[in-house]
């Protein structure tokens, strides 16, 4: 069995930093984990990808093509469609190593998740390669200082979860950048409820009052679906990284097929006599 989680979320939500931090965490704990870069527009990141889409196609090449004449968004969609038509290339790059554990670092354009069948096709392909797949959706925790933006992010997460039939873990990232006051109130945002809109000063303006009922009705959909819950992540904290990894492991049933180990097994390993 092989394992994968797709790292999704808006641009700037910290996806590549999450991948880098998790890769370093697993290296420190002597756990094998690989990262695949699926962002054809990526310039730099802090991890060494085992597979890089830019070896197949890059956004800069597409935008410079005189026949295609794509802008940034159109060019990125073209790149993802090109990968979708060449998934066997990805299969060859990944190989057939059993017990693989792979993070797939996706681009941040929301259209890829909501207006395209690329991710669905990608998930189906991974499943044919014997991968158990989990989605990890990141939202910048600094959105909690702007409730309207936060609710918008929640709806994107909800839309993504409904669109794909896989387990999902939603994460409030970059909590290490919050000031102490915002960090203390983050708990009320981990299970979003419509009443958090009461904290939005915009609702108390003339325009906000006019559409307050509509706004609250739309936000109540989050409660009705009761699907979107968040885990706060501080990538500078090893315990926080480990908590997220445990959630993902549970979602994809990582390690459940492994042989149960006893205290004697650990003692033998420590003494260097484990066969």
C-alpha atoms as a PDB file:
ATOM      1  CA  UNK A   1       0.000   0.000   0.000  1.00  0.00           C
ATOM      2  CA  UNK A   2       1.141   3.551  -0.792  1.00  0.00           C
ATOM      3  CA  UNK A   3       0.052   6.792   0.864  1.00  0.00           C
ATOM      4  CA  UNK A   4      -0.412  10.343  -0.353  1.00  0.00           C
ATOM      5  CA  UNK A   5      -1.820  13.604   0.776  1.00  0.00           C
ATOM      6  CA  UNK A   6      -2.644  16.442  -1.543  1.00  0.00           C
ATOM      7  CA  UNK A   7      -1.615  19.838  -0.167  1.00  0.00           C
ATOM      8  CA  UNK A   8      -4.268  22.292  -1.358  1.00  0.00           C
ATOM      9  CA  UNK A   9      -5.284  25.853  -0.570  1.00  0.00           C
ATOM     10  CA  UNK A  10      -5.286  29.446  -1.833  1.00  0.00           C
ATOM     11  CA  UNK A  11      -2.108  31.155  -2.976  1.00  0.00           C
ATOM     12  CA  UNK A  12      -0.079  32.349  -0.004  1.00  0.00           C
ATOM     13  CA  UNK A  13      -1.655  29.947   2.475  1.00  0.00           C
ATOM     14  CA  UNK A  14       1.693  28.318   3.246  1.00  0.00           C
ATOM     15  CA  UNK A  15       1.485  25.062   1.253  1.00  0.00           C
ATOM     16  CA  UNK A  16       5.152  24.882   0.270  1.00  0.00           C
ATOM     17  CA  UNK A  17       6.259  25.904   3.768  1.00  0.00           C
ATOM     18  CA  UNK A  18       4.027  23.159   5.168  1.00  0.00           C
ATOM     19  CA  UNK A  19       5.609  20.593   2.835  1.00  0.00           C
ATOM     20  CA  UNK A  20       9.101  21.751   3.733  1.00  0.00           C
ATOM     21  CA  UNK A  21       8.434  21.713   7.487  1.00  0.00           C
ATOM     22  CA  UNK A  22       6.852  18.266   7.353  1.00  0.00           C
ATOM     23  CA  UNK A  23       9.715  16.902   5.247  1.00  0.00           C
ATOM     24  CA  UNK A  24      12.258  18.179   7.798  1.00  0.00           C
ATOM     25  CA  UNK A  25      10.160  16.833  10.672  1.00  0.00           C
ATOM     26  CA  UNK A  26      10.032  13.367   9.127  1.00  0.00           C
ATOM     27  CA  UNK A  27      13.746  13.437   8.368  1.00  0.00           C
ATOM     28  CA  UNK A  28      14.450  14.273  12.002  1.00  0.00           C
ATOM     29  CA  UNK A  29      12.221  11.415  13.167  1.00  0.00           C
ATOM     30  CA  UNK A  30      13.741   9.011  10.603  1.00  0.00           C
ATOM     31  CA  UNK A  31      10.521   8.574   8.727  1.00  0.00           C
ATOM     32  CA  UNK A  32      10.507   8.364   4.932  1.00  0.00           C
ATOM     33  CA  UNK A  33       8.508  11.083   3.209  1.00  0.00           C
ATOM     34  CA  UNK A  34       8.815  12.461  -0.318  1.00  0.00           C
ATOM     35  CA  UNK A  35       7.457  15.691  -1.787  1.00  0.00           C
ATOM     36  CA  UNK A  36       6.260  16.236  -5.356  1.00  0.00           C
ATOM     37  CA  UNK A  37       6.069  19.780  -6.748  1.00  0.00           C
ATOM     38  CA  UNK A  38       2.989  20.223  -8.954  1.00  0.00           C
ATOM     39  CA  UNK A  39       3.249  24.011  -9.270  1.00  0.00           C
ATOM     40  CA  UNK A  40       4.586  24.857 -12.749  1.00  0.00           C
ATOM     41  CA  UNK A  41       5.019  28.487 -11.652  1.00  0.00           C
ATOM     42  CA  UNK A  42       7.163  27.709  -8.590  1.00  0.00           C
ATOM     43  CA  UNK A  43      10.451  29.551  -8.408  1.00  0.00           C
ATOM     44  CA  UNK A  44      11.959  28.509  -5.083  1.00  0.00           C
ATOM     45  CA  UNK A  45      11.030  26.249  -2.190  1.00  0.00           C
ATOM     46  CA  UNK A  46      12.905  24.769   0.751  1.00  0.00           C
ATOM     47  CA  UNK A  47      12.475  21.094  -0.041  1.00  0.00           C
ATOM     48  CA  UNK A  48      14.051  18.813  -2.630  1.00  0.00           C
ATOM     49  CA  UNK A  49      11.191  17.391  -4.753  1.00  0.00           C
ATOM     50  CA  UNK A  50      11.378  13.769  -5.766  1.00  0.00           C
ATOM     51  CA  UNK A  51       9.328  14.763  -8.831  1.00  0.00           C
ATOM     52  CA  UNK A  52       8.999  18.270 -10.292  1.00  0.00           C
ATOM     53  CA  UNK A  53       6.308  19.173 -12.845  1.00  0.00           C
ATOM     54  CA  UNK A  54       8.677  21.783 -14.268  1.00  0.00           C
ATOM     55  CA  UNK A  55      10.703  18.917 -15.731  1.00  0.00           C
ATOM     56  CA  UNK A  56       7.624  18.189 -17.852  1.00  0.00           C
ATOM     57  CA  UNK A  57       6.209  21.674 -18.401  1.00  0.00           C
ATOM     58  CA  UNK A  58       6.648  25.103 -16.810  1.00  0.00           C
ATOM     59  CA  UNK A  59       4.438  28.175 -16.757  1.00  0.00           C
ATOM     60  CA  UNK A  60       7.181  30.416 -18.133  1.00  0.00           C
ATOM     61  CA  UNK A  61       7.583  28.205 -21.227  1.00  0.00           C
ATOM     62  CA  UNK A  62       3.828  28.227 -21.839  1.00  0.00           C
ATOM     63  CA  UNK A  63       3.539  32.009 -21.487  1.00  0.00           C
ATOM     64  CA  UNK A  64       6.492  32.580 -23.800  1.00  0.00           C
ATOM     65  CA  UNK A  65       5.027  30.335 -26.509  1.00  0.00           C
ATOM     66  CA  UNK A  66       3.976  32.650 -29.364  1.00  0.00           C
ATOM     67  CA  UNK A  67       1.278  30.246 -30.563  1.00  0.00           C
ATOM     68  CA  UNK A  68      -0.428  29.754 -27.189  1.00  0.00           C
ATOM     69  CA  UNK A  69      -0.379  33.378 -25.966  1.00  0.00           C
ATOM     70  CA  UNK A  70      -1.627  32.511 -22.458  1.00  0.00           C
ATOM     71  CA  UNK A  71      -1.590  34.792 -19.435  1.00  0.00           C
ATOM     72  CA  UNK A  72      -0.634  33.530 -15.945  1.00  0.00           C
ATOM     73  CA  UNK A  73      -3.981  31.915 -15.043  1.00  0.00           C
ATOM     74  CA  UNK A  74      -4.702  30.473 -18.472  1.00  0.00           C
ATOM     75  CA  UNK A  75      -1.126  29.246 -18.726  1.00  0.00           C
ATOM     76  CA  UNK A  76      -1.330  27.493 -15.361  1.00  0.00           C
ATOM     77  CA  UNK A  77      -4.591  25.767 -16.311  1.00  0.00           C
ATOM     78  CA  UNK A  78      -2.939  24.666 -19.561  1.00  0.00           C
ATOM     79  CA  UNK A  79      -0.005  23.207 -17.600  1.00  0.00           C
ATOM     80  CA  UNK A  80      -2.305  21.231 -15.309  1.00  0.00           C
ATOM     81  CA  UNK A  81      -4.298  19.931 -18.268  1.00  0.00           C
ATOM     82  CA  UNK A  82      -1.044  18.946 -19.954  1.00  0.00           C
ATOM     83  CA  UNK A  83      -0.044  16.978 -16.855  1.00  0.00           C
ATOM     84  CA  UNK A  84      -3.523  15.446 -16.795  1.00  0.00           C
ATOM     85  CA  UNK A  85      -2.896  14.133 -20.311  1.00  0.00           C
ATOM     86  CA  UNK A  86       0.526  12.805 -19.338  1.00  0.00           C
ATOM     87  CA  UNK A  87      -0.071  11.120 -15.989  1.00  0.00           C
ATOM     88  CA  UNK A  88       1.959   8.114 -17.103  1.00  0.00           C
ATOM     89  CA  UNK A  89       4.990  10.410 -16.927  1.00  0.00           C
ATOM     90  CA  UNK A  90       4.199  10.959 -13.256  1.00  0.00           C
ATOM     91  CA  UNK A  91       3.816   7.204 -12.723  1.00  0.00           C
ATOM     92  CA  UNK A  92       7.255   6.591 -14.207  1.00  0.00           C
ATOM     93  CA  UNK A  93       8.805   9.309 -12.035  1.00  0.00           C
ATOM     94  CA  UNK A  94       7.231   7.932  -8.852  1.00  0.00           C
ATOM     95  CA  UNK A  95       8.229   4.352  -9.597  1.00  0.00           C
ATOM     96  CA  UNK A  96       6.578   1.393  -7.886  1.00  0.00           C
ATOM     97  CA  UNK A  97       8.017   1.527  -4.391  1.00  0.00           C
ATOM     98  CA  UNK A  98       5.641   0.001  -1.851  1.00  0.00           C
ATOM     99  CA  UNK A  99       4.992   1.943   1.384  1.00  0.00           C
ATOM    100  CA  UNK A 100       5.615   5.262  -0.409  1.00  0.00           C
ATOM    101  CA  UNK A 101       4.426   8.309   1.557  1.00  0.00           C
ATOM    102  CA  UNK A 102       4.176  11.321  -0.738  1.00  0.00           C
ATOM    103  CA  UNK A 103       3.089  14.957  -0.355  1.00  0.00           C
ATOM    104  CA  UNK A 104       1.812  16.582  -3.547  1.00  0.00           C
ATOM    105  CA  UNK A 105       2.336  20.354  -3.407  1.00  0.00           C
ATOM    106  CA  UNK A 106      -0.395  21.913  -5.593  1.00  0.00           C
ATOM    107  CA  UNK A 107      -0.636  25.427  -7.075  1.00  0.00           C
ATOM    108  CA  UNK A 108      -2.797  27.979  -5.292  1.00  0.00           C
ATOM    109  CA  UNK A 109      -5.233  28.881  -8.089  1.00  0.00           C
ATOM    110  CA  UNK A 110      -8.705  27.988  -6.797  1.00  0.00           C
ATOM    111  CA  UNK A 111      -9.964  27.296 -10.330  1.00  0.00           C
ATOM    112  CA  UNK A 112      -7.936  24.098 -10.330  1.00  0.00           C
ATOM    113  CA  UNK A 113     -10.074  22.727  -7.488  1.00  0.00           C
ATOM    114  CA  UNK A 114     -13.487  24.161  -8.402  1.00  0.00           C
ATOM    115  CA  UNK A 115     -13.636  24.685 -12.186  1.00  0.00           C
ATOM    116  CA  UNK A 116     -11.658  21.736 -13.481  1.00  0.00           C
ATOM    117  CA  UNK A 117     -11.780  17.946 -13.357  1.00  0.00           C
ATOM    118  CA  UNK A 118      -7.991  17.767 -13.095  1.00  0.00           C
ATOM    119  CA  UNK A 119      -7.781  16.977  -9.379  1.00  0.00           C
ATOM    120  CA  UNK A 120     -10.502  14.311  -9.622  1.00  0.00           C
ATOM    121  CA  UNK A 121      -8.668  12.660 -12.494  1.00  0.00           C
ATOM    122  CA  UNK A 122      -5.398  12.981 -10.577  1.00  0.00           C
ATOM    123  CA  UNK A 123      -6.901  11.319  -7.489  1.00  0.00           C
ATOM    124  CA  UNK A 124      -8.313   8.468  -9.560  1.00  0.00           C
ATOM    125  CA  UNK A 125      -4.898   7.933 -11.137  1.00  0.00           C
ATOM    126  CA  UNK A 126      -3.166   7.785  -7.761  1.00  0.00           C
ATOM    127  CA  UNK A 127      -5.716   5.246  -6.569  1.00  0.00           C
ATOM    128  CA  UNK A 128      -4.932   3.039  -9.554  1.00  0.00           C
ATOM    129  CA  UNK A 129      -1.299   3.185  -8.387  1.00  0.00           C
ATOM    130  CA  UNK A 130      -2.413   1.744  -5.029  1.00  0.00           C
ATOM    131  CA  UNK A 131      -2.287   5.071  -3.148  1.00  0.00           C
ATOM    132  CA  UNK A 132      -4.567   5.904  -0.266  1.00  0.00           C
ATOM    133  CA  UNK A 133      -5.260   9.615  -0.685  1.00  0.00           C
ATOM    134  CA  UNK A 134      -6.095  12.393   1.776  1.00  0.00           C
ATOM    135  CA  UNK A 135      -6.617  16.089   1.081  1.00  0.00           C
ATOM    136  CA  UNK A 136      -5.004  18.726   3.304  1.00  0.00           C
ATOM    137  CA  UNK A 137      -6.527  22.186   2.793  1.00  0.00           C
ATOM    138  CA  UNK A 138      -4.694  25.202   4.218  1.00  0.00           C
ATOM    139  CA  UNK A 139      -6.094  28.643   5.063  1.00  0.00           C
ATOM    140  CA  UNK A 140      -3.966  31.484   6.400  1.00  0.00           C
ATOM    141  CA  UNK A 141      -4.864  31.885  10.083  1.00  0.00           C
ATOM    142  CA  UNK A 142      -4.391  35.645   9.774  1.00  0.00           C
ATOM    143  CA  UNK A 143      -7.796  35.648   8.058  1.00  0.00           C
ATOM    144  CA  UNK A 144      -9.359  35.432  11.511  1.00  0.00           C
ATOM    145  CA  UNK A 145      -8.690  39.153  11.839  1.00  0.00           C
ATOM    146  CA  UNK A 146     -11.057  39.675   8.882  1.00  0.00           C
ATOM    147  CA  UNK A 147     -14.108  37.490   9.483  1.00  0.00           C
ATOM    148  CA  UNK A 148     -15.529  38.015   5.980  1.00  0.00           C
ATOM    149  CA  UNK A 149     -12.302  36.715   4.435  1.00  0.00           C
ATOM    150  CA  UNK A 150     -12.289  33.808   6.850  1.00  0.00           C
ATOM    151  CA  UNK A 151     -15.853  32.798   5.941  1.00  0.00           C
ATOM    152  CA  UNK A 152     -14.911  33.015   2.252  1.00  0.00           C
ATOM    153  CA  UNK A 153     -11.977  30.700   2.918  1.00  0.00           C
ATOM    154  CA  UNK A 154     -14.261  28.298   4.777  1.00  0.00           C
ATOM    155  CA  UNK A 155     -16.581  28.132   1.787  1.00  0.00           C
ATOM    156  CA  UNK A 156     -13.677  27.379  -0.548  1.00  0.00           C
ATOM    157  CA  UNK A 157     -12.633  24.572   1.803  1.00  0.00           C
ATOM    158  CA  UNK A 158     -16.216  23.260   1.918  1.00  0.00           C
ATOM    159  CA  UNK A 159     -16.537  23.401  -1.871  1.00  0.00           C
ATOM    160  CA  UNK A 160     -13.265  21.523  -2.286  1.00  0.00           C
ATOM    161  CA  UNK A 161     -14.266  18.846   0.227  1.00  0.00           C
ATOM    162  CA  UNK A 162     -17.591  18.253  -1.504  1.00  0.00           C
ATOM    163  CA  UNK A 163     -15.959  18.173  -4.922  1.00  0.00           C
ATOM    164  CA  UNK A 164     -13.579  15.298  -4.113  1.00  0.00           C
ATOM    165  CA  UNK A 165     -14.529  12.009  -2.494  1.00  0.00           C
ATOM    166  CA  UNK A 166     -11.524  11.654  -0.191  1.00  0.00           C
ATOM    167  CA  UNK A 167     -10.860  12.328   3.523  1.00  0.00           C
ATOM    168  CA  UNK A 168      -9.952  15.952   4.277  1.00  0.00           C
ATOM    169  CA  UNK A 169      -7.965  17.692   6.992  1.00  0.00           C
ATOM    170  CA  UNK A 170      -8.405  21.478   7.135  1.00  0.00           C
ATOM    171  CA  UNK A 171      -5.599  23.531   8.623  1.00  0.00           C
ATOM    172  CA  UNK A 172      -5.260  27.090   9.872  1.00  0.00           C
ATOM    173  CA  UNK A 173      -1.654  27.751   8.929  1.00  0.00           C
ATOM    174  CA  UNK A 174       0.860  30.393   9.975  1.00  0.00           C
ATOM    175  CA  UNK A 175      -0.332  30.569  13.580  1.00  0.00           C
ATOM    176  CA  UNK A 176       3.264  31.373  14.505  1.00  0.00           C
ATOM    177  CA  UNK A 177       2.736  34.776  12.845  1.00  0.00           C
ATOM    178  CA  UNK A 178      -0.316  35.705  14.929  1.00  0.00           C
ATOM    179  CA  UNK A 179       0.025  38.208  17.731  1.00  0.00           C
ATOM    180  CA  UNK A 180      -0.674  36.897  21.263  1.00  0.00           C
ATOM    181  CA  UNK A 181      -4.212  38.344  21.358  1.00  0.00           C
ATOM    182  CA  UNK A 182      -5.305  36.734  18.084  1.00  0.00           C
ATOM    183  CA  UNK A 183      -3.588  33.489  19.055  1.00  0.00           C
ATOM    184  CA  UNK A 184      -5.716  33.258  22.195  1.00  0.00           C
ATOM    185  CA  UNK A 185      -9.006  33.634  20.312  1.00  0.00           C
ATOM    186  CA  UNK A 186      -8.204  31.191  17.521  1.00  0.00           C
ATOM    187  CA  UNK A 187     -10.148  28.409  19.275  1.00  0.00           C
ATOM    188  CA  UNK A 188     -13.540  29.813  18.237  1.00  0.00           C
ATOM    189  CA  UNK A 189     -12.501  29.565  14.569  1.00  0.00           C
ATOM    190  CA  UNK A 190     -11.563  25.879  14.633  1.00  0.00           C
ATOM    191  CA  UNK A 191     -15.237  24.877  14.273  1.00  0.00           C
ATOM    192  CA  UNK A 192     -16.707  27.760  12.254  1.00  0.00           C
ATOM    193  CA  UNK A 193     -20.202  28.896  13.233  1.00  0.00           C
ATOM    194  CA  UNK A 194     -22.314  31.590  11.620  1.00  0.00           C
ATOM    195  CA  UNK A 195     -22.352  33.672  14.796  1.00  0.00           C
ATOM    196  CA  UNK A 196     -18.681  34.598  14.410  1.00  0.00           C
ATOM    197  CA  UNK A 197     -19.919  37.089  11.835  1.00  0.00           C
ATOM    198  CA  UNK A 198     -21.092  39.217  14.761  1.00  0.00           C
ATOM    199  CA  UNK A 199     -17.429  40.172  15.198  1.00  0.00           C
ATOM    200  CA  UNK A 200     -17.239  41.576  11.683  1.00  0.00           C
ATOM    201  CA  UNK A 201     -17.395  45.369  11.897  1.00  0.00           C
ATOM    202  CA  UNK A 202     -18.562  45.504   8.270  1.00  0.00           C
ATOM    203  CA  UNK A 203     -21.964  44.143   9.314  1.00  0.00           C
ATOM    204  CA  UNK A 204     -22.525  47.257  11.407  1.00  0.00           C
ATOM    205  CA  UNK A 205     -22.103  49.608   8.460  1.00  0.00           C
ATOM    206  CA  UNK A 206     -25.041  50.839   6.371  1.00  0.00           C
ATOM    207  CA  UNK A 207     -24.193  48.389   3.599  1.00  0.00           C
ATOM    208  CA  UNK A 208     -23.646  45.555   6.062  1.00  0.00           C
ATOM    209  CA  UNK A 209     -26.975  46.126   7.798  1.00  0.00           C
ATOM    210  CA  UNK A 210     -28.785  45.970   4.471  1.00  0.00           C
ATOM    211  CA  UNK A 211     -27.391  42.524   3.642  1.00  0.00           C
ATOM    212  CA  UNK A 212     -26.906  41.184   7.164  1.00  0.00           C
ATOM    213  CA  UNK A 213     -29.731  38.626   6.916  1.00  0.00           C
ATOM    214  CA  UNK A 214     -28.473  37.338   3.552  1.00  0.00           C
ATOM    215  CA  UNK A 215     -24.891  37.162   4.834  1.00  0.00           C
ATOM    216  CA  UNK A 216     -25.872  35.170   7.927  1.00  0.00           C
ATOM    217  CA  UNK A 217     -28.080  32.827   5.877  1.00  0.00           C
ATOM    218  CA  UNK A 218     -25.200  32.066   3.524  1.00  0.00           C
ATOM    219  CA  UNK A 219     -22.810  31.560   6.434  1.00  0.00           C
ATOM    220  CA  UNK A 220     -25.274  29.192   8.127  1.00  0.00           C
ATOM    221  CA  UNK A 221     -24.625  26.708   5.318  1.00  0.00           C
ATOM    222  CA  UNK A 222     -21.298  25.970   6.995  1.00  0.00           C
ATOM    223  CA  UNK A 223     -23.142  24.867  10.133  1.00  0.00           C
ATOM    224  CA  UNK A 224     -25.730  22.877   8.185  1.00  0.00           C
ATOM    225  CA  UNK A 225     -23.103  20.849   6.353  1.00  0.00           C
ATOM    226  CA  UNK A 226     -21.099  20.503   9.581  1.00  0.00           C
ATOM    227  CA  UNK A 227     -18.058  19.328   7.642  1.00  0.00           C
ATOM    228  CA  UNK A 228     -15.486  22.092   7.978  1.00  0.00           C
ATOM    229  CA  UNK A 229     -13.313  21.893  11.071  1.00  0.00           C
ATOM    230  CA  UNK A 230      -9.794  23.196  11.422  1.00  0.00           C
ATOM    231  CA  UNK A 231      -6.587  22.229  13.159  1.00  0.00           C
ATOM    232  CA  UNK A 232      -4.208  25.060  14.034  1.00  0.00           C
ATOM    233  CA  UNK A 233      -0.661  24.587  12.779  1.00  0.00           C
ATOM    234  CA  UNK A 234       2.555  26.197  13.939  1.00  0.00           C
ATOM    235  CA  UNK A 235       5.308  24.900  11.647  1.00  0.00           C
ATOM    236  CA  UNK A 236       7.938  25.999  14.189  1.00  0.00           C
ATOM    237  CA  UNK A 237       6.511  23.620  16.773  1.00  0.00           C
ATOM    238  CA  UNK A 238       7.386  19.925  16.392  1.00  0.00           C
ATOM    239  CA  UNK A 239       4.398  18.834  18.476  1.00  0.00           C
ATOM    240  CA  UNK A 240       2.054  20.813  16.239  1.00  0.00           C
ATOM    241  CA  UNK A 241       3.548  19.191  13.135  1.00  0.00           C
ATOM    242  CA  UNK A 242       3.267  15.771  14.728  1.00  0.00           C
ATOM    243  CA  UNK A 243      -0.403  16.366  15.617  1.00  0.00           C
ATOM    244  CA  UNK A 244      -1.237  17.194  11.999  1.00  0.00           C
ATOM    245  CA  UNK A 245       0.705  14.192  10.749  1.00  0.00           C
ATOM    246  CA  UNK A 246      -1.198  11.924  13.133  1.00  0.00           C
ATOM    247  CA  UNK A 247      -4.516  13.261  11.812  1.00  0.00           C
ATOM    248  CA  UNK A 248      -3.474  12.584   8.227  1.00  0.00           C
ATOM    249  CA  UNK A 249      -2.111   9.144   9.121  1.00  0.00           C
ATOM    250  CA  UNK A 250      -5.427   8.270  10.729  1.00  0.00           C
ATOM    251  CA  UNK A 251      -7.386   9.509   7.705  1.00  0.00           C
ATOM    252  CA  UNK A 252      -5.433   7.315   5.274  1.00  0.00           C
ATOM    253  CA  UNK A 253      -4.974   4.442   7.757  1.00  0.00           C
ATOM    254  CA  UNK A 254      -1.208   4.699   7.551  1.00  0.00           C
ATOM    255  CA  UNK A 255       0.588   1.924   9.396  1.00  0.00           C
ATOM    256  CA  UNK A 256      -2.521  -0.117  10.185  1.00  0.00           C
ATOM    257  CA  UNK A 257      -1.190  -3.036   8.183  1.00  0.00           C
ATOM    258  CA  UNK A 258       2.145  -3.002   9.969  1.00  0.00           C
ATOM    259  CA  UNK A 259       2.961  -5.760  12.418  1.00  0.00           C
ATOM    260  CA  UNK A 260       2.192  -4.831  15.998  1.00  0.00           C
ATOM    261  CA  UNK A 261       5.404  -4.069  17.887  1.00  0.00           C
ATOM    262  CA  UNK A 262       5.949  -4.855  21.539  1.00  0.00           C
ATOM    263  CA  UNK A 263       8.131  -3.338  24.220  1.00  0.00           C
ATOM    264  CA  UNK A 264      10.565  -6.241  23.710  1.00  0.00           C
ATOM    265  CA  UNK A 265      10.924  -5.262  20.044  1.00  0.00           C
ATOM    266  CA  UNK A 266      11.949  -1.733  20.977  1.00  0.00           C
ATOM    267  CA  UNK A 267      14.354  -2.995  23.643  1.00  0.00           C
ATOM    268  CA  UNK A 268      15.987  -5.335  21.117  1.00  0.00           C
ATOM    269  CA  UNK A 269      16.401  -2.474  18.631  1.00  0.00           C
ATOM    270  CA  UNK A 270      17.931  -0.304  21.326  1.00  0.00           C
ATOM    271  CA  UNK A 271      20.425  -3.055  22.153  1.00  0.00           C
ATOM    272  CA  UNK A 272      21.240  -3.569  18.489  1.00  0.00           C
ATOM    273  CA  UNK A 273      20.062  -7.186  18.309  1.00  0.00           C
ATOM    274  CA  UNK A 274      16.805  -6.771  16.386  1.00  0.00           C
ATOM    275  CA  UNK A 275      16.850  -9.043  13.361  1.00  0.00           C
END
